[in-house]
Every structure is written in C-alpha cells, then in structure tokens.
Amino acid sequence: MIDTNSPVQAVNTRSNANASAVRGISFMQLWRREWQVKQQGAVQWLYPLVLFLVIITLFPLAVGSEPALLQRLGVSAVWIAALLSLVMGVDGLFKPALDNGTLAQLVVANASLPLWVLIRLVIHWIFSSGIVAALSLLAVPLFQLSWFEAWILMASIVTGSPMLLMLSAVASSLTLSLKNGAVLVPLIALPMQLPVLIFATGAVDLFATGLNGLPILALLLAGSIISVLVMPWVIAMTLKMSWLN
C-alpha cells in the first residue's frame, strides 16, 4: 500500500494543487494580477514616457523655431520618439517573470501561456503606447501642427503601435536567455519596425496634403490585428524554449 502521509506524497499533492490552481485562473484574475504588477512597477514604465517627452521637447529647440520646418518634421519626430520609447520599455516584459519563477510555474502547470502573454502585452501597451498616443497631441503647440493633423497622428500611433509592440516582444523573447540580451533587442526589432514607421508617417502626410490616407491606416490596423492574433503564440513558444534552456 502507498503511504498517503509520506513526504513525497505530500509534495506531489501540493504540486497537483498548485497546478490545478494555475489552470483554474480566469482571464479576469490574470488581468487583475498583471495590472497590479504594472502599477507596482511605476518607475519602469515612466522612464520611456519621460524619454518621449524629452525628445519631442528638445527637438524644436534643436532645429529652430521656423514654423514651416517644424511642421514638416513634427510627425516624423513624434513617431521616432514613440518608437524609441516603446523599444526602451520592452526589456522588462518577460525578464522579471523568468527571474521570479512566474514563467516556470505557468509552464509546469500547462497554463495558457499565449493568454498570459497577450494580457501582459495589452497592459504594457496601455501604459506605454496608449499614453504616448495621448501625449502626441503636444505636437500642436510644439511643432505648430493643426488639430486635424494631430488627431491623425494619434490615430496612426494607436493603429500602428500594437504591431511595433509585438515585434519588440518577439525580439525580447528571443534574447531572454542571453546575458546581454537587452542590448540586442533594438538591433533585432528596429529593422522590422521601420516599414511601420514609414507607412504611418506617410499616412499623416497624405491627410495633411488633402489626400486620402485611410487605406494606409487600414493596412496598419490590419497588420496590428494579425500581430495580436498570431504573435502571442510565437512568443509563448519562444518563452517556453528559453525556460527549458
């Protein structure tokens, strides 16, 4: 007969209980947990926002106060600042979860890793690109843009930034097991993100000249939707391989 009171049996019972608990975590429970974790690490997600504000504030001082020049460069400057702030903040996406054992618990318990990745990325987007999109309206006083151009600029950031975040997250997951992986993330992500930057700024320029830029915005939105649907599965597999190695 098996001794149910043995230490080994007790450990197995606790492990099974923990696995069942992780499997039973609902979407809302995962959301509340990740939301609280994000709020507790306010300093980490404030740094990229401060970088964005510094870039768009110093740029007009560097190029001069000529309105025509500021209007011509304003959209590109805001988008470059948004891209750099987003890339800067992706280092802390999965590294803390690997270090504190959260990723190991999810993998061992056969939890829905793609769902956890998606929730983590959505919350990160709200605290990064979502706020940056709202702050992009500062281009009106800083770069002499019209309110119409500023709203189109904000719409381009909202539609294009999810795809940028997914590409950055893929780069972050690929370099997770490397010692200096944070240095490689921009080198891997930026070449893939440049087409998004070109299309987004081009859409705003089309609207500014009176042409229709909606097809480009629709293309960016479609790319972001596809990325949100596909990339969490790719990232989840990459994270699992990083944990196994």
Protein backbone atom coordinates (compact mmCIF):
# COMPACT_ATOMS: atom_id res chain seq x y z
CA MET A 1 0.00 0.00 0.00
CA ILE A 2 1.08 3.62 -0.65
CA ASP A 3 1.59 5.74 2.41
CA THR A 4 -0.51 8.85 1.73
CA ASN A 5 1.15 10.62 4.64
CA SER A 6 4.68 10.28 3.26
CA PRO A 7 6.66 13.47 2.43
CA VAL A 8 6.85 12.54 -1.25
CA GLN A 9 3.10 12.06 -1.47
CA ALA A 10 2.56 15.35 0.34
CA VAL A 11 4.83 17.20 -2.09
CA ASN A 12 3.05 15.64 -5.06
CA THR A 13 -0.30 16.59 -3.60
CA ARG A 14 0.78 20.20 -3.15
CA SER A 15 2.22 20.31 -6.69
CA ASN A 16 -1.01 18.97 -8.15
CA ALA A 17 -2.96 21.51 -6.15
CA ASN A 18 -0.77 24.36 -7.41
CA ALA A 19 -1.09 23.15 -10.98
CA SER A 20 -4.86 22.95 -10.68
CA ALA A 21 -4.93 26.44 -9.20
CA VAL A 22 -2.92 27.89 -12.09
CA ARG A 23 -5.09 26.09 -14.64
CA GLY A 24 -8.15 27.48 -12.94
CA ILE A 25 -7.01 31.08 -13.18
CA SER A 26 -9.54 33.02 -15.20
CA PHE A 27 -8.93 35.81 -17.65
CA MET A 28 -10.03 38.45 -15.14
CA GLN A 29 -7.77 37.05 -12.43
CA LEU A 30 -4.79 37.15 -14.75
CA TRP A 31 -5.75 40.65 -15.82
CA ARG A 32 -6.03 41.95 -12.24
CA ARG A 33 -2.72 40.34 -11.29
CA GLU A 34 -0.82 41.82 -14.25
CA TRP A 35 -2.49 45.20 -13.74
CA GLN A 36 -1.34 45.29 -10.12
CA VAL A 37 2.18 44.23 -11.09
CA LYS A 38 2.30 47.03 -13.66
CA GLN A 39 1.12 49.61 -11.17
CA GLN A 40 3.68 48.50 -8.59
CA GLY A 41 6.49 48.94 -11.14
CA ALA A 42 5.53 52.53 -11.98
CA VAL A 43 9.14 53.69 -12.21
CA GLN A 44 9.93 51.22 -15.00
CA TRP A 45 7.12 52.29 -17.31
CA LEU A 46 7.52 56.00 -16.51
CA TYR A 47 11.08 56.10 -17.89
CA PRO A 48 10.02 55.53 -21.54
CA LEU A 49 7.32 58.20 -21.21
CA VAL A 50 9.85 60.67 -19.85
CA LEU A 51 12.16 59.82 -22.77
CA PHE A 52 9.31 60.52 -25.21
CA LEU A 53 8.60 63.90 -23.61
CA VAL A 54 12.29 64.82 -23.57
CA ILE A 55 12.73 64.03 -27.28
CA ILE A 56 9.68 65.93 -28.52
CA THR A 57 10.51 68.87 -26.24
CA LEU A 58 14.17 69.18 -27.20
CA PHE A 59 13.65 68.59 -30.91
CA PRO A 60 12.09 72.02 -31.63
CA LEU A 61 14.89 73.67 -29.66
CA ALA A 62 17.48 71.86 -31.80
CA VAL A 63 16.04 72.56 -35.26
CA GLY A 64 14.91 76.12 -34.63
CA SER A 65 11.61 77.93 -34.41
CA GLU A 66 10.74 78.21 -38.10
CA PRO A 67 7.06 77.07 -38.34
CA ALA A 68 7.37 75.53 -41.81
CA LEU A 69 10.35 73.40 -40.78
CA LEU A 70 8.69 72.31 -37.55
CA GLN A 71 5.51 71.31 -39.36
CA ARG A 72 7.48 69.30 -41.92
CA LEU A 73 9.49 67.42 -39.28
CA GLY A 74 6.93 67.24 -36.48
CA VAL A 75 5.20 63.99 -37.46
CA SER A 76 8.47 62.15 -38.00
CA ALA A 77 9.91 63.45 -34.74
CA VAL A 78 6.90 62.34 -32.71
CA TRP A 79 6.87 58.91 -34.32
CA ILE A 80 10.60 58.38 -33.80
CA ALA A 81 10.20 59.39 -30.16
CA ALA A 82 7.28 56.97 -29.78
CA LEU A 83 9.29 54.15 -31.37
CA LEU A 84 12.34 54.72 -29.18
CA SER A 85 10.24 54.92 -26.00
CA LEU A 86 8.47 51.68 -26.91
CA VAL A 87 11.72 49.80 -27.63
CA MET A 88 13.22 51.11 -24.40
CA GLY A 89 10.41 49.63 -22.29
CA VAL A 90 10.32 46.07 -23.67
CA ASP A 91 13.29 44.80 -21.66
CA GLY A 92 11.08 44.30 -18.61
CA LEU A 93 8.32 42.43 -20.41
CA PHE A 94 9.37 38.85 -19.63
CA LYS A 95 12.69 39.00 -17.79
CA PRO A 96 11.14 39.56 -14.31
CA ALA A 97 8.72 36.69 -14.88
CA LEU A 98 11.64 34.40 -15.71
CA ASP A 99 13.68 35.54 -12.71
CA ASN A 100 10.92 35.32 -10.08
CA GLY A 101 9.63 31.92 -11.23
CA THR A 102 6.28 33.04 -12.65
CA LEU A 103 7.12 31.73 -16.12
CA ALA A 104 8.27 28.39 -14.66
CA GLN A 105 5.01 27.97 -12.74
CA LEU A 106 2.96 28.68 -15.85
CA VAL A 107 4.95 26.25 -18.00
CA VAL A 108 5.00 23.43 -15.43
CA ALA A 109 1.27 23.80 -14.77
CA ASN A 110 0.45 23.73 -18.51
CA ALA A 111 -1.33 27.04 -18.18
CA SER A 112 -2.38 29.07 -21.22
CA LEU A 113 0.91 30.79 -21.90
CA PRO A 114 -0.34 32.65 -25.02
CA LEU A 115 -3.22 34.11 -23.00
CA TRP A 116 -0.82 35.30 -20.30
CA VAL A 117 1.47 36.81 -22.95
CA LEU A 118 -1.46 38.59 -24.59
CA ILE A 119 -2.70 40.06 -21.30
CA ARG A 120 0.80 41.18 -20.35
CA LEU A 121 1.32 42.87 -23.72
CA VAL A 122 -2.09 44.57 -23.75
CA ILE A 123 -1.48 46.06 -20.30
CA HIS A 124 2.02 47.12 -21.35
CA TRP A 125 0.55 48.80 -24.44
CA ILE A 126 -1.92 50.77 -22.31
CA PHE A 127 0.86 52.07 -20.05
CA SER A 128 3.23 52.82 -22.94
CA SER A 129 1.85 53.44 -26.42
CA GLY A 130 -1.62 54.27 -25.17
CA ILE A 131 -0.28 57.14 -23.07
CA VAL A 132 2.18 58.14 -25.81
CA ALA A 133 -0.73 58.42 -28.27
CA ALA A 134 -2.44 60.88 -25.94
CA LEU A 135 0.81 62.80 -25.36
CA SER A 136 1.30 63.10 -29.12
CA LEU A 137 -1.27 65.92 -29.06
CA LEU A 138 1.55 68.04 -27.65
CA ALA A 139 2.71 68.26 -31.26
CA VAL A 140 0.14 71.05 -31.71
CA PRO A 141 1.99 73.64 -29.60
CA LEU A 142 5.49 72.19 -30.07
CA PHE A 143 5.50 71.65 -33.86
CA GLN A 144 2.74 74.03 -34.94
CA LEU A 145 0.62 71.16 -36.27
CA SER A 146 -3.09 71.66 -36.80
CA TRP A 147 -5.51 69.80 -34.56
CA PHE A 148 -6.61 67.71 -37.53
CA GLU A 149 -3.03 66.59 -38.20
CA ALA A 150 -2.51 65.91 -34.50
CA TRP A 151 -5.61 63.69 -34.32
CA ILE A 152 -4.48 61.77 -37.42
CA LEU A 153 -1.03 61.41 -35.86
CA MET A 154 -2.60 60.00 -32.70
CA ALA A 155 -4.72 57.61 -34.79
CA SER A 156 -1.63 56.40 -36.63
CA ILE A 157 0.11 55.67 -33.32
CA VAL A 158 -2.93 53.80 -31.99
CA THR A 159 -3.22 51.66 -35.14
CA GLY A 160 0.49 51.04 -35.72
CA SER A 161 1.93 50.71 -32.21
CA PRO A 162 0.40 47.26 -31.43
CA MET A 163 2.37 45.81 -34.34
CA LEU A 164 5.52 47.59 -33.12
CA LEU A 165 4.99 46.20 -29.63
CA MET A 166 4.52 42.64 -30.89
CA LEU A 167 7.71 42.83 -32.95
CA SER A 168 9.62 44.20 -29.96
CA ALA A 169 8.18 41.47 -27.75
CA VAL A 170 9.36 38.80 -30.18
CA ALA A 171 12.85 40.29 -30.11
CA SER A 172 12.74 40.43 -26.30
CA SER A 173 11.70 36.78 -26.03
CA LEU A 174 14.42 35.67 -28.44
CA THR A 175 17.14 37.31 -26.35
CA LEU A 176 15.69 36.37 -22.97
CA SER A 177 18.25 33.67 -22.18
CA LEU A 178 21.24 35.78 -23.27
CA LYS A 179 23.35 37.60 -20.72
CA ASN A 180 23.27 40.96 -22.52
CA GLY A 181 20.04 40.38 -24.40
CA ALA A 182 18.66 43.85 -23.70
CA VAL A 183 21.32 45.35 -25.95
CA LEU A 184 20.28 43.14 -28.87
CA VAL A 185 16.55 43.88 -28.67
CA PRO A 186 16.71 47.22 -30.56
CA LEU A 187 19.09 45.73 -33.16
CA ILE A 188 16.61 42.94 -33.89
CA ALA A 189 13.36 44.91 -33.60
CA LEU A 190 14.17 48.22 -35.32
CA PRO A 191 14.77 46.82 -38.85
CA MET A 192 11.37 45.09 -38.71
CA GLN A 193 9.68 48.22 -37.35
CA LEU A 194 10.95 50.69 -39.95
CA PRO A 195 8.22 49.87 -42.53
CA VAL A 196 5.55 50.64 -39.92
CA LEU A 197 7.23 53.97 -39.21
CA ILE A 198 7.37 54.83 -42.92
CA PHE A 199 3.75 53.91 -43.59
CA ALA A 200 2.44 55.71 -40.51
CA THR A 201 4.22 58.98 -41.22
CA GLY A 202 3.21 58.71 -44.87
CA ALA A 203 -0.45 58.39 -43.91
CA VAL A 204 -0.32 61.58 -41.83
CA ASP A 205 1.43 63.42 -44.67
CA LEU A 206 -1.28 62.34 -47.11
CA PHE A 207 -4.00 63.73 -44.86
CA ALA A 208 -2.01 66.95 -44.39
CA THR A 209 -1.89 67.48 -48.17
CA GLY A 210 -5.60 66.80 -48.59
CA LEU A 211 -5.28 63.24 -49.90
CA ASN A 212 -6.86 60.09 -48.52
CA GLY A 213 -4.61 58.23 -46.09
CA LEU A 214 -7.31 55.87 -44.77
CA PRO A 215 -6.06 52.86 -46.81
CA ILE A 216 -2.67 53.12 -45.13
CA LEU A 217 -4.23 53.41 -41.67
CA ALA A 218 -6.43 50.42 -42.50
CA LEU A 219 -3.33 48.49 -43.58
CA LEU A 220 -1.60 49.34 -40.29
CA LEU A 221 -4.69 48.32 -38.33
CA ALA A 222 -4.91 45.02 -40.21
CA GLY A 223 -1.24 44.33 -39.52
CA SER A 224 -1.73 45.10 -35.84
CA ILE A 225 -4.76 42.79 -35.60
CA ILE A 226 -2.89 39.94 -37.28
CA SER A 227 0.09 40.52 -34.99
CA VAL A 228 -2.11 40.45 -31.88
CA LEU A 229 -3.72 37.18 -33.02
CA VAL A 230 -0.51 35.39 -34.06
CA MET A 231 2.44 36.80 -32.13
CA PRO A 232 1.39 35.72 -28.59
CA TRP A 233 1.59 32.08 -29.73
CA VAL A 234 5.04 32.62 -31.25
CA ILE A 235 6.24 34.46 -28.14
CA ALA A 236 4.82 31.75 -25.86
CA MET A 237 6.74 29.03 -27.69
CA THR A 238 9.92 31.13 -27.58
CA LEU A 239 9.50 31.75 -23.84
CA LYS A 240 9.00 28.04 -23.21
CA MET A 241 12.18 27.22 -25.13
CA SER A 242 14.08 29.90 -23.19
CA TRP A 243 12.90 28.41 -19.91
CA LEU A 244 13.87 24.90 -20.97
CA ASN A 245 17.36 26.08 -21.93
